[in-house]
């Protein structure tokens, strides 16, 4: 485990100091849509939605499904695009010092297999009641993505 946390810096158009990266996050509800899956990051201890950076040579849906598998041991399938999240006033700083302006695609997913577990990137993974999850101090905008998935329009949200 790296001892340096991934963190975010905020400021007027600070994202221009970083490299543009495309990320994805997965919103997995239980069948009744009353619980949502969160993971606890090993690098900074924060709770978040499973997700990560899209790799060259994979689709955004493949990246989302891969990230959930790697971080939680669950096999999922992308159902729909919930939203596109691009805050130009936020800069992500990684443990290696790299800085990125991350545009995140939030996807609602459904579980199709696997067993819930943890990985090198996650120290915990569990389902939380949706209202409690939204009130938690989640990693960068993840509560907003959960709200958008649960209460949002049929069309994707763009923020």
Foldseek 3Di string as FASTA:
>chain_A
DQAAAKDKDFDDLPQVVAAEFEKEFEWEAPPVNFKTKWFQFPRPRFIFTFMTTDDPPDDNQVRHQVRCCQAWFFGKGFDDWAAKEFDSRMWIAHSVGHIHRYIYTYTYIYTDDGDTDGHPGTPDMDIDGLVVVLPGPHPDCRSVSSCSVVPNDPDHYYD
